[in-house]
Every structure is written in C-alpha cells, then in structure tokens.
Amino acid sequence: MEFFTDYRIGLIMQPNESSAKYISIIRKYNPGSISDIKSAIANREYVVFCEYTSDSGIRKVRRCYDELKKAGAEVEIYENGSITTREYISNLIGTYSEIDAETQTLIDAEVEADCEEEN
C-alpha cells in the first residue's frame, strides 16, 4: 500500500464485493475514471485526498467520508500515512477557521490604523 508522505489527508476503502456501489459517491469528489477508482479501492490507495493545508479539500474529504459511511462502506481517514479520526479532521477545519478569523481581524485592525494615520 502506497501512502503519501507530503502531508495529505485522504480516504482509503476496504475492498469488498460491494465496492462498486460506492463509486458513484466517490465520483462526486474524485474526477478520476471509474477504472482508476476501482483500482484505488482494490489496491487500498487513496480514493479521495487533498493537501493537509486545504480547508476546502479537508471539508470535501469529510463530506465524502460521511456519505460513504452512511452508505455502509468500510472507509478510513488517513493523515500523512496514518489512520486518523473524523473528529481530528473536524478539529483541523475548526483550527483553520479560527486562524482565518484571527488573520482577518489583524488585517482589519491594520487597515483601520493606516486610515487613522492618514487623517
């Protein structure tokens, strides 16, 4: 099984006789061909993944995970090659949201200070 070591988060499915029924869910999140997705499932490779720092990508991985689990799939979340939990990636999304809010607050304060200096 090949794992990415460049800080990616992704989903790996346990192959079974029902794997084909999950492909339509995966295709919503992975534009790859059906044969590529089947191969990824069979070889226990990522069926959906994103960069570790991609807030929107992590949200996409979490949505796909939720849909697959609801449909009965045996799927695991991996972060940098190790199994992790849905809670972990939800916390990561929360952290990114907090950082975005703090950054926006700092930018707004800097703009306000610059405007006051000009007056």
C-alpha atoms as a PDB file:
ATOM      1  CA  MET A   1       0.000   0.000   0.000  1.00  0.00           C
ATOM      2  CA  GLU A   2       1.446   3.351  -1.060  1.00  0.00           C
ATOM      3  CA  PHE A   3       0.977   6.325   1.234  1.00  0.00           C
ATOM      4  CA  PHE A   4       1.746   9.938   0.528  1.00  0.00           C
ATOM      5  CA  THR A   5       4.288  11.439   2.861  1.00  0.00           C
ATOM      6  CA  ASP A   6       3.802  15.022   1.780  1.00  0.00           C
ATOM      7  CA  TYR A   7       1.077  15.978   4.224  1.00  0.00           C
ATOM      8  CA  ARG A   8      -2.126  14.793   2.610  1.00  0.00           C
ATOM      9  CA  ILE A   9      -5.418  13.753   4.082  1.00  0.00           C
ATOM     10  CA  GLY A  10      -7.412  11.111   2.271  1.00  0.00           C
ATOM     11  CA  LEU A  11      -9.775   8.169   2.328  1.00  0.00           C
ATOM     12  CA  ILE A  12      -8.906   4.524   1.827  1.00  0.00           C
ATOM     13  CA  MET A  13     -11.632   1.930   1.440  1.00  0.00           C
ATOM     14  CA  GLN A  14     -11.625  -1.684   2.465  1.00  0.00           C
ATOM     15  CA  PRO A  15     -12.226  -3.609  -0.773  1.00  0.00           C
ATOM     16  CA  ASN A  16     -15.192  -5.972  -0.758  1.00  0.00           C
ATOM     17  CA  GLU A  17     -17.889  -7.318  -3.062  1.00  0.00           C
ATOM     18  CA  SER A  18     -19.983  -4.141  -2.527  1.00  0.00           C
ATOM     19  CA  SER A  19     -17.210  -1.686  -3.502  1.00  0.00           C
ATOM     20  CA  ALA A  20     -18.763  -0.935  -6.892  1.00  0.00           C
ATOM     21  CA  LYS A  21     -21.857   0.591  -5.315  1.00  0.00           C
ATOM     22  CA  TYR A  22     -19.729   3.303  -3.655  1.00  0.00           C
ATOM     23  CA  ILE A  23     -18.127   4.551  -6.854  1.00  0.00           C
ATOM     24  CA  SER A  24     -20.965   6.992  -7.610  1.00  0.00           C
ATOM     25  CA  ILE A  25     -20.352   8.650  -4.232  1.00  0.00           C
ATOM     26  CA  ILE A  26     -16.601   8.801  -4.775  1.00  0.00           C
ATOM     27  CA  ARG A  27     -17.029  10.267  -8.274  1.00  0.00           C
ATOM     28  CA  LYS A  28     -18.681  13.344  -6.727  1.00  0.00           C
ATOM     29  CA  TYR A  29     -15.363  14.089  -5.023  1.00  0.00           C
ATOM     30  CA  ASN A  30     -12.831  12.475  -7.363  1.00  0.00           C
ATOM     31  CA  PRO A  31     -12.948  13.276 -11.089  1.00  0.00           C
ATOM     32  CA  GLY A  32     -10.927  10.148 -11.925  1.00  0.00           C
ATOM     33  CA  SER A  33     -12.198   7.403 -14.151  1.00  0.00           C
ATOM     34  CA  ILE A  34     -14.252   4.526 -12.809  1.00  0.00           C
ATOM     35  CA  SER A  35     -11.395   2.127 -13.528  1.00  0.00           C
ATOM     36  CA  ASP A  36      -8.945   4.354 -11.623  1.00  0.00           C
ATOM     37  CA  ILE A  37     -11.284   4.445  -8.639  1.00  0.00           C
ATOM     38  CA  LYS A  38     -11.827   0.671  -8.771  1.00  0.00           C
ATOM     39  CA  SER A  39      -8.071   0.201  -8.894  1.00  0.00           C
ATOM     40  CA  ALA A  40      -7.551   2.547  -5.919  1.00  0.00           C
ATOM     41  CA  ILE A  41     -10.120   0.604  -3.896  1.00  0.00           C
ATOM     42  CA  ALA A  42      -8.616  -2.772  -4.851  1.00  0.00           C
ATOM     43  CA  ASN A  43      -5.073  -1.601  -4.043  1.00  0.00           C
ATOM     44  CA  ARG A  44      -6.071   0.239  -0.839  1.00  0.00           C
ATOM     45  CA  GLU A  45      -4.896   3.576  -2.187  1.00  0.00           C
ATOM     46  CA  TYR A  46      -6.495   6.966  -1.660  1.00  0.00           C
ATOM     47  CA  VAL A  47      -9.873   7.255  -3.384  1.00  0.00           C
ATOM     48  CA  VAL A  48     -10.203  10.921  -2.371  1.00  0.00           C
ATOM     49  CA  PHE A  49      -7.455  13.104  -0.938  1.00  0.00           C
ATOM     50  CA  CYS A  50      -6.287  16.688  -0.513  1.00  0.00           C
ATOM     51  CA  GLU A  51      -3.372  18.708   0.739  1.00  0.00           C
ATOM     52  CA  TYR A  52      -3.183  18.922   4.522  1.00  0.00           C
ATOM     53  CA  THR A  53      -3.466  22.724   4.391  1.00  0.00           C
ATOM     54  CA  SER A  54      -6.518  22.868   2.120  1.00  0.00           C
ATOM     55  CA  ASP A  55      -9.518  23.837   4.224  1.00  0.00           C
ATOM     56  CA  SER A  56     -11.956  23.269   1.354  1.00  0.00           C
ATOM     57  CA  GLY A  57     -10.234  19.982   0.453  1.00  0.00           C
ATOM     58  CA  ILE A  58     -10.475  18.682   4.006  1.00  0.00           C
ATOM     59  CA  ARG A  59     -14.169  19.605   4.078  1.00  0.00           C
ATOM     60  CA  LYS A  60     -14.586  17.653   0.815  1.00  0.00           C
ATOM     61  CA  VAL A  61     -12.827  14.606   2.283  1.00  0.00           C
ATOM     62  CA  ARG A  62     -15.036  14.778   5.379  1.00  0.00           C
ATOM     63  CA  ARG A  63     -18.238  15.036   3.288  1.00  0.00           C
ATOM     64  CA  CYS A  64     -17.199  12.057   1.174  1.00  0.00           C
ATOM     65  CA  TYR A  65     -16.327  10.074   4.301  1.00  0.00           C
ATOM     66  CA  ASP A  66     -19.731  10.841   5.809  1.00  0.00           C
ATOM     67  CA  GLU A  67     -21.560   9.796   2.634  1.00  0.00           C
ATOM     68  CA  LEU A  68     -19.577   6.584   2.308  1.00  0.00           C
ATOM     69  CA  LYS A  69     -20.104   5.639   5.961  1.00  0.00           C
ATOM     70  CA  LYS A  70     -23.831   6.365   5.678  1.00  0.00           C
ATOM     71  CA  ALA A  71     -23.965   4.056   2.650  1.00  0.00           C
ATOM     72  CA  GLY A  72     -22.254   1.308   4.666  1.00  0.00           C
ATOM     73  CA  ALA A  73     -18.729   1.489   3.269  1.00  0.00           C
ATOM     74  CA  GLU A  74     -15.711   0.406   5.267  1.00  0.00           C
ATOM     75  CA  VAL A  75     -13.585   3.527   4.865  1.00  0.00           C
ATOM     76  CA  GLU A  76     -10.737   5.008   6.882  1.00  0.00           C
ATOM     77  CA  ILE A  77      -9.320   8.516   7.051  1.00  0.00           C
ATOM     78  CA  TYR A  78      -5.554   8.820   6.702  1.00  0.00           C
ATOM     79  CA  GLU A  79      -3.428  11.828   7.523  1.00  0.00           C
ATOM     80  CA  ASN A  80       0.177  11.717   6.372  1.00  0.00           C
ATOM     81  CA  GLY A  81       0.035   7.920   6.036  1.00  0.00           C
ATOM     82  CA  SER A  82      -1.515   7.175   9.443  1.00  0.00           C
ATOM     83  CA  ILE A  83      -5.113   6.403  10.340  1.00  0.00           C
ATOM     84  CA  THR A  84      -6.898   9.311  11.961  1.00  0.00           C
ATOM     85  CA  THR A  85     -10.445  10.122  13.008  1.00  0.00           C
ATOM     86  CA  ARG A  86     -13.272  12.246  11.695  1.00  0.00           C
ATOM     87  CA  GLU A  87     -13.052  14.233  14.926  1.00  0.00           C
ATOM     88  CA  TYR A  88      -9.412  15.051  14.168  1.00  0.00           C
ATOM     89  CA  ILE A  89     -10.163  16.465  10.730  1.00  0.00           C
ATOM     90  CA  SER A  90     -13.177  18.352  12.106  1.00  0.00           C
ATOM     91  CA  ASN A  91     -10.880  19.918  14.710  1.00  0.00           C
ATOM     92  CA  LEU A  92      -8.405  20.759  11.962  1.00  0.00           C
ATOM     93  CA  ILE A  93     -11.150  22.522  10.000  1.00  0.00           C
ATOM     94  CA  GLY A  94     -12.086  24.442  13.161  1.00  0.00           C
ATOM     95  CA  THR A  95      -8.474  25.473  13.674  1.00  0.00           C
ATOM     96  CA  TYR A  96      -8.226  26.748  10.104  1.00  0.00           C
ATOM     97  CA  SER A  97     -11.450  28.725  10.574  1.00  0.00           C
ATOM     98  CA  GLU A  98     -10.071  30.303  13.764  1.00  0.00           C
ATOM     99  CA  ILE A  99      -6.820  31.219  12.014  1.00  0.00           C
ATOM    100  CA  ASP A 100      -8.771  32.787   9.133  1.00  0.00           C
ATOM    101  CA  ALA A 101     -10.862  34.840  11.582  1.00  0.00           C
ATOM    102  CA  GLU A 102      -7.784  35.982  13.521  1.00  0.00           C
ATOM    103  CA  THR A 103      -5.989  36.904  10.316  1.00  0.00           C
ATOM    104  CA  GLN A 104      -8.983  38.920   9.117  1.00  0.00           C
ATOM    105  CA  THR A 105      -9.144  40.729  12.477  1.00  0.00           C
ATOM    106  CA  LEU A 106      -5.454  41.636  12.214  1.00  0.00           C
ATOM    107  CA  ILE A 107      -5.871  42.864   8.637  1.00  0.00           C
ATOM    108  CA  ASP A 108      -8.901  44.954   9.595  1.00  0.00           C
ATOM    109  CA  ALA A 109      -7.016  46.482  12.539  1.00  0.00           C
ATOM    110  CA  GLU A 110      -4.039  47.307  10.319  1.00  0.00           C
ATOM    111  CA  VAL A 111      -6.255  48.948   7.692  1.00  0.00           C
ATOM    112  CA  GLU A 112      -8.041  50.953  10.379  1.00  0.00           C
ATOM    113  CA  ALA A 113      -4.705  52.098  11.848  1.00  0.00           C
ATOM    114  CA  ASP A 114      -3.473  53.154   8.413  1.00  0.00           C
ATOM    115  CA  CYS A 115      -6.669  55.133   7.797  1.00  0.00           C
ATOM    116  CA  GLU A 116      -6.309  56.911  11.165  1.00  0.00           C
ATOM    117  CA  GLU A 117      -2.678  57.816  10.361  1.00  0.00           C
ATOM    118  CA  GLU A 118      -3.752  59.364   7.068  1.00  0.00           C
ATOM    119  CA  ASN A 119      -6.292  61.613   8.821  1.00  0.00           C
END
